[in-house]
Amino acid sequence: MEKYVCTACGYVYDPELGDPDGGVAPGTAFADIPDDWVCPLCGVGKDMFELE
């Protein structure tokens, strides 16, 4: 699966790991993350992420 990087802080969303603390289970593709999810490091929205 494709990884996405936060353009604000550099956090990389890895679908294999998900974001359990943010309510996103491992194995969840970036496109399937809820629209109200935010970067766990800096708090920006999904629109600030781009394909790594």
C-alpha atoms as a PDB file:
ATOM      1  CA  MET A   1       0.000   0.000   0.000  1.00  0.00           C
ATOM      2  CA  GLU A   2       1.090   3.554  -0.632  1.00  0.00           C
ATOM      3  CA  LYS A   3       2.468   5.788   2.107  1.00  0.00           C
ATOM      4  CA  TYR A   4       1.490   9.435   2.479  1.00  0.00           C
ATOM      5  CA  VAL A   5       3.582  12.208   4.013  1.00  0.00           C
ATOM      6  CA  CYS A   6       2.391  15.300   5.880  1.00  0.00           C
ATOM      7  CA  THR A   7       3.676  18.351   4.037  1.00  0.00           C
ATOM      8  CA  ALA A   8       3.575  20.389   7.253  1.00  0.00           C
ATOM      9  CA  CYS A   9       5.714  18.229   9.564  1.00  0.00           C
ATOM     10  CA  GLY A  10       6.973  15.205   7.600  1.00  0.00           C
ATOM     11  CA  TYR A  11       4.940  12.542   9.428  1.00  0.00           C
ATOM     12  CA  VAL A  12       4.538   9.474   7.210  1.00  0.00           C
ATOM     13  CA  TYR A  13       1.240   7.593   7.305  1.00  0.00           C
ATOM     14  CA  ASP A  14       2.002   3.924   6.752  1.00  0.00           C
ATOM     15  CA  PRO A  15      -1.170   1.899   6.011  1.00  0.00           C
ATOM     16  CA  GLU A  16       0.436  -1.254   7.407  1.00  0.00           C
ATOM     17  CA  LEU A  17       0.701   0.463  10.809  1.00  0.00           C
ATOM     18  CA  GLY A  18      -2.391   2.668  10.667  1.00  0.00           C
ATOM     19  CA  ASP A  19      -2.855   5.186  13.487  1.00  0.00           C
ATOM     20  CA  PRO A  20      -4.338   3.192  16.381  1.00  0.00           C
ATOM     21  CA  ASP A  21      -4.177   6.206  18.737  1.00  0.00           C
ATOM     22  CA  GLY A  22      -6.154   8.181  16.143  1.00  0.00           C
ATOM     23  CA  GLY A  23      -8.723   5.441  15.623  1.00  0.00           C
ATOM     24  CA  VAL A  24      -7.318   4.111  12.339  1.00  0.00           C
ATOM     25  CA  ALA A  25      -6.750   0.354  12.327  1.00  0.00           C
ATOM     26  CA  PRO A  26      -3.640  -1.224  10.775  1.00  0.00           C
ATOM     27  CA  GLY A  27      -4.271  -2.133   7.139  1.00  0.00           C
ATOM     28  CA  THR A  28      -6.385   0.983   6.453  1.00  0.00           C
ATOM     29  CA  ALA A  29      -5.594   2.647   3.124  1.00  0.00           C
ATOM     30  CA  PHE A  30      -5.126   6.430   3.262  1.00  0.00           C
ATOM     31  CA  ALA A  31      -8.206   6.937   1.076  1.00  0.00           C
ATOM     32  CA  ASP A  32     -10.297   5.022   3.616  1.00  0.00           C
ATOM     33  CA  ILE A  33      -9.310   7.174   6.611  1.00  0.00           C
ATOM     34  CA  PRO A  34     -12.223   9.356   7.802  1.00  0.00           C
ATOM     35  CA  ASP A  35     -12.132  12.916   6.455  1.00  0.00           C
ATOM     36  CA  ASP A  36     -11.978  14.362   9.977  1.00  0.00           C
ATOM     37  CA  TRP A  37      -8.737  12.511  10.793  1.00  0.00           C
ATOM     38  CA  VAL A  38      -5.761  14.773  11.521  1.00  0.00           C
ATOM     39  CA  CYS A  39      -2.001  14.303  11.539  1.00  0.00           C
ATOM     40  CA  PRO A  40      -1.038  12.790  14.904  1.00  0.00           C
ATOM     41  CA  LEU A  41       2.047  15.008  15.144  1.00  0.00           C
ATOM     42  CA  CYS A  42       0.912  18.459  14.049  1.00  0.00           C
ATOM     43  CA  GLY A  43      -2.882  18.292  13.734  1.00  0.00           C
ATOM     44  CA  VAL A  44      -3.356  19.314  10.095  1.00  0.00           C
ATOM     45  CA  GLY A  45      -6.049  17.645   7.979  1.00  0.00           C
ATOM     46  CA  LYS A  46      -5.806  14.947   5.323  1.00  0.00           C
ATOM     47  CA  ASP A  47      -5.646  17.612   2.607  1.00  0.00           C
ATOM     48  CA  MET A  48      -2.089  18.435   3.754  1.00  0.00           C
ATOM     49  CA  PHE A  49      -0.806  14.941   2.898  1.00  0.00           C
ATOM     50  CA  GLU A  50       0.711  13.864  -0.396  1.00  0.00           C
ATOM     51  CA  LEU A  51       1.853  10.559  -1.837  1.00  0.00           C
ATOM     52  CA  GLU A  52       5.366   9.719  -0.691  1.00  0.00           C
END
